[in-house]
Amino acid sequence: MTFVVRIDRSLCSSFGSCAQLAPGAFRLEADGAVALVAETDDPRVVDAARSCPMGAITVDELARAA
């Protein structure tokens, strides 16, 4: 399963739970979280998005072509 990762940086308050839960996908910088990948197979991004208290992270399953 492949996931598409997006961060609304206007909502990000730099709590950092995303970077702790999925360090290969997120990095915390001085001005907020940064998605290191646009797409990933790492299921930890789903938990990272759920952990965001501001709801700044969106993770969607990538639709596969038939």
N, C-alpha and C. Protein backbone atom coordinates (compact mmCIF):
# COMPACT_ATOMS: atom_id res chain seq x y z
N MET A 1 0.85 -1.16 0.00
CA MET A 1 0.00 0.00 0.00
C MET A 1 0.90 1.24 0.00
N THR A 2 0.57 2.18 -0.85
CA THR A 2 1.34 3.43 -0.93
C THR A 2 0.48 4.57 -0.42
N PHE A 3 1.10 5.44 0.36
CA PHE A 3 0.41 6.58 0.96
C PHE A 3 0.94 7.89 0.41
N VAL A 4 0.05 8.85 0.23
CA VAL A 4 0.41 10.21 -0.17
C VAL A 4 0.36 11.07 1.09
N VAL A 5 1.44 11.81 1.34
CA VAL A 5 1.60 12.58 2.57
C VAL A 5 1.58 14.07 2.25
N ARG A 6 0.78 14.82 3.02
CA ARG A 6 0.74 16.29 2.88
C ARG A 6 0.72 16.92 4.27
N ILE A 7 1.37 18.07 4.39
CA ILE A 7 1.34 18.83 5.64
C ILE A 7 0.84 20.23 5.32
N ASP A 8 -0.16 20.67 6.06
CA ASP A 8 -0.61 22.07 5.98
C ASP A 8 0.23 22.84 7.00
N ARG A 9 1.28 23.46 6.51
CA ARG A 9 2.23 24.12 7.41
C ARG A 9 1.61 25.31 8.15
N SER A 10 0.49 25.83 7.65
CA SER A 10 -0.17 26.92 8.37
C SER A 10 -0.84 26.41 9.64
N LEU A 11 -1.08 25.10 9.73
CA LEU A 11 -1.68 24.50 10.92
C LEU A 11 -0.64 23.90 11.87
N CYS A 12 0.55 23.62 11.37
CA CYS A 12 1.57 22.94 12.15
C CYS A 12 2.07 23.83 13.29
N SER A 13 2.10 23.24 14.50
CA SER A 13 2.59 23.96 15.69
C SER A 13 3.87 23.34 16.24
N SER A 14 4.53 22.50 15.47
CA SER A 14 5.84 21.94 15.81
C SER A 14 5.85 21.06 17.06
N PHE A 15 4.80 20.27 17.27
CA PHE A 15 4.80 19.35 18.40
C PHE A 15 5.83 18.25 18.21
N GLY A 16 6.02 17.79 16.97
CA GLY A 16 7.07 16.83 16.66
C GLY A 16 6.71 15.38 16.78
N SER A 17 5.47 15.07 17.12
CA SER A 17 5.09 13.65 17.24
C SER A 17 5.22 12.93 15.91
N CYS A 18 4.99 13.61 14.82
CA CYS A 18 5.11 12.98 13.50
C CYS A 18 6.54 12.52 13.24
N ALA A 19 7.50 13.37 13.57
CA ALA A 19 8.91 13.03 13.35
C ALA A 19 9.37 11.92 14.27
N GLN A 20 8.78 11.82 15.45
CA GLN A 20 9.13 10.73 16.36
C GLN A 20 8.56 9.40 15.89
N LEU A 21 7.34 9.42 15.37
CA LEU A 21 6.67 8.19 14.96
C LEU A 21 7.12 7.69 13.58
N ALA A 22 7.46 8.61 12.68
CA ALA A 22 7.86 8.24 11.32
C ALA A 22 9.04 9.11 10.88
N PRO A 23 10.21 8.89 11.46
CA PRO A 23 11.36 9.76 11.18
C PRO A 23 11.84 9.72 9.74
N GLY A 24 11.52 8.67 9.01
CA GLY A 24 11.90 8.61 7.61
C GLY A 24 10.99 9.44 6.71
N ALA A 25 9.86 9.86 7.25
CA ALA A 25 8.88 10.60 6.45
C ALA A 25 8.75 12.07 6.85
N PHE A 26 9.10 12.38 8.12
CA PHE A 26 8.92 13.75 8.62
C PHE A 26 10.18 14.23 9.33
N ARG A 27 10.40 15.53 9.24
CA ARG A 27 11.48 16.16 9.99
C ARG A 27 10.91 17.43 10.60
N LEU A 28 11.30 17.71 11.82
CA LEU A 28 10.85 18.92 12.50
C LEU A 28 11.91 20.00 12.30
N GLU A 29 11.49 21.14 11.79
CA GLU A 29 12.37 22.28 11.60
C GLU A 29 11.89 23.42 12.48
N ALA A 30 12.63 24.48 12.54
CA ALA A 30 12.31 25.61 13.41
C ALA A 30 10.92 26.19 13.12
N ASP A 31 10.51 26.15 11.86
CA ASP A 31 9.22 26.74 11.49
C ASP A 31 8.14 25.69 11.25
N GLY A 32 8.34 24.47 11.71
CA GLY A 32 7.30 23.45 11.59
C GLY A 32 7.81 22.16 10.98
N ALA A 33 6.91 21.21 10.83
CA ALA A 33 7.25 19.91 10.27
C ALA A 33 7.36 19.99 8.76
N VAL A 34 8.22 19.14 8.23
CA VAL A 34 8.43 19.03 6.79
C VAL A 34 8.25 17.57 6.41
N ALA A 35 7.49 17.33 5.35
CA ALA A 35 7.36 15.97 4.83
C ALA A 35 8.59 15.71 3.97
N LEU A 36 9.33 14.66 4.31
CA LEU A 36 10.53 14.30 3.56
C LEU A 36 10.19 13.51 2.30
N VAL A 37 8.99 13.00 2.25
CA VAL A 37 8.53 12.20 1.11
C VAL A 37 7.13 12.66 0.72
N ALA A 38 6.81 12.54 -0.55
CA ALA A 38 5.45 12.82 -1.01
C ALA A 38 4.63 11.53 -1.01
N GLU A 39 5.33 10.42 -1.25
CA GLU A 39 4.69 9.11 -1.25
C GLU A 39 5.58 8.14 -0.49
N THR A 40 4.95 7.20 0.20
CA THR A 40 5.70 6.20 0.96
C THR A 40 4.88 4.95 1.17
N ASP A 41 5.57 3.85 1.39
CA ASP A 41 4.91 2.58 1.75
C ASP A 41 4.94 2.36 3.26
N ASP A 42 5.50 3.30 4.00
CA ASP A 42 5.66 3.18 5.45
C ASP A 42 4.32 3.44 6.15
N PRO A 43 3.73 2.42 6.75
CA PRO A 43 2.42 2.60 7.40
C PRO A 43 2.48 3.47 8.65
N ARG A 44 3.69 3.76 9.15
CA ARG A 44 3.81 4.62 10.33
C ARG A 44 3.34 6.05 10.06
N VAL A 45 3.25 6.44 8.78
CA VAL A 45 2.78 7.80 8.48
C VAL A 45 1.32 7.98 8.88
N VAL A 46 0.56 6.90 8.87
CA VAL A 46 -0.85 6.98 9.27
C VAL A 46 -0.95 7.31 10.75
N ASP A 47 -0.17 6.62 11.58
CA ASP A 47 -0.15 6.92 13.01
C ASP A 47 0.40 8.32 13.28
N ALA A 48 1.39 8.72 12.50
CA ALA A 48 1.96 10.06 12.66
C ALA A 48 0.90 11.12 12.38
N ALA A 49 0.11 10.93 11.35
CA ALA A 49 -0.95 11.89 11.03
C ALA A 49 -2.00 11.93 12.13
N ARG A 50 -2.36 10.76 12.64
CA ARG A 50 -3.35 10.70 13.72
C ARG A 50 -2.84 11.35 15.00
N SER A 51 -1.53 11.35 15.19
CA SER A 51 -0.96 11.91 16.41
C SER A 51 -0.87 13.43 16.38
N CYS A 52 -1.05 14.03 15.22
CA CYS A 52 -0.91 15.49 15.11
C CYS A 52 -2.09 16.18 15.80
N PRO A 53 -1.83 16.92 16.88
CA PRO A 53 -2.92 17.55 17.62
C PRO A 53 -3.60 18.68 16.84
N MET A 54 -2.92 19.18 15.83
CA MET A 54 -3.48 20.29 15.04
C MET A 54 -4.18 19.79 13.77
N GLY A 55 -4.07 18.52 13.47
CA GLY A 55 -4.67 17.98 12.24
C GLY A 55 -4.00 18.51 10.99
N ALA A 56 -2.71 18.81 11.09
CA ALA A 56 -1.99 19.42 9.97
C ALA A 56 -1.55 18.41 8.91
N ILE A 57 -1.56 17.12 9.25
CA ILE A 57 -1.06 16.10 8.34
C ILE A 57 -2.21 15.32 7.73
N THR A 58 -2.16 15.17 6.42
CA THR A 58 -3.13 14.37 5.69
C THR A 58 -2.39 13.22 5.03
N VAL A 59 -2.89 12.02 5.22
CA VAL A 59 -2.33 10.83 4.58
C VAL A 59 -3.46 10.13 3.87
N ASP A 60 -3.30 9.94 2.57
CA ASP A 60 -4.30 9.24 1.76
C ASP A 60 -3.66 8.04 1.09
N GLU A 61 -4.45 7.03 0.88
CA GLU A 61 -3.96 5.87 0.13
C GLU A 61 -3.93 6.23 -1.35
N LEU A 62 -2.82 5.92 -2.00
CA LEU A 62 -2.67 6.21 -3.41
C LEU A 62 -3.52 5.25 -4.22
N ALA A 63 -4.36 5.79 -5.08
CA ALA A 63 -5.20 4.95 -5.93
C ALA A 63 -4.34 4.30 -7.00
N ARG A 64 -4.50 3.04 -7.16
CA ARG A 64 -3.75 2.28 -8.16
C ARG A 64 -4.53 2.23 -9.47
N ALA A 65 -3.82 2.36 -10.58
CA ALA A 65 -4.46 2.23 -11.89
C ALA A 65 -4.81 0.78 -12.12
N ALA A 66 -5.96 0.57 -12.71
CA ALA A 66 -6.43 -0.81 -12.94
C ALA A 66 -5.77 -1.42 -14.14
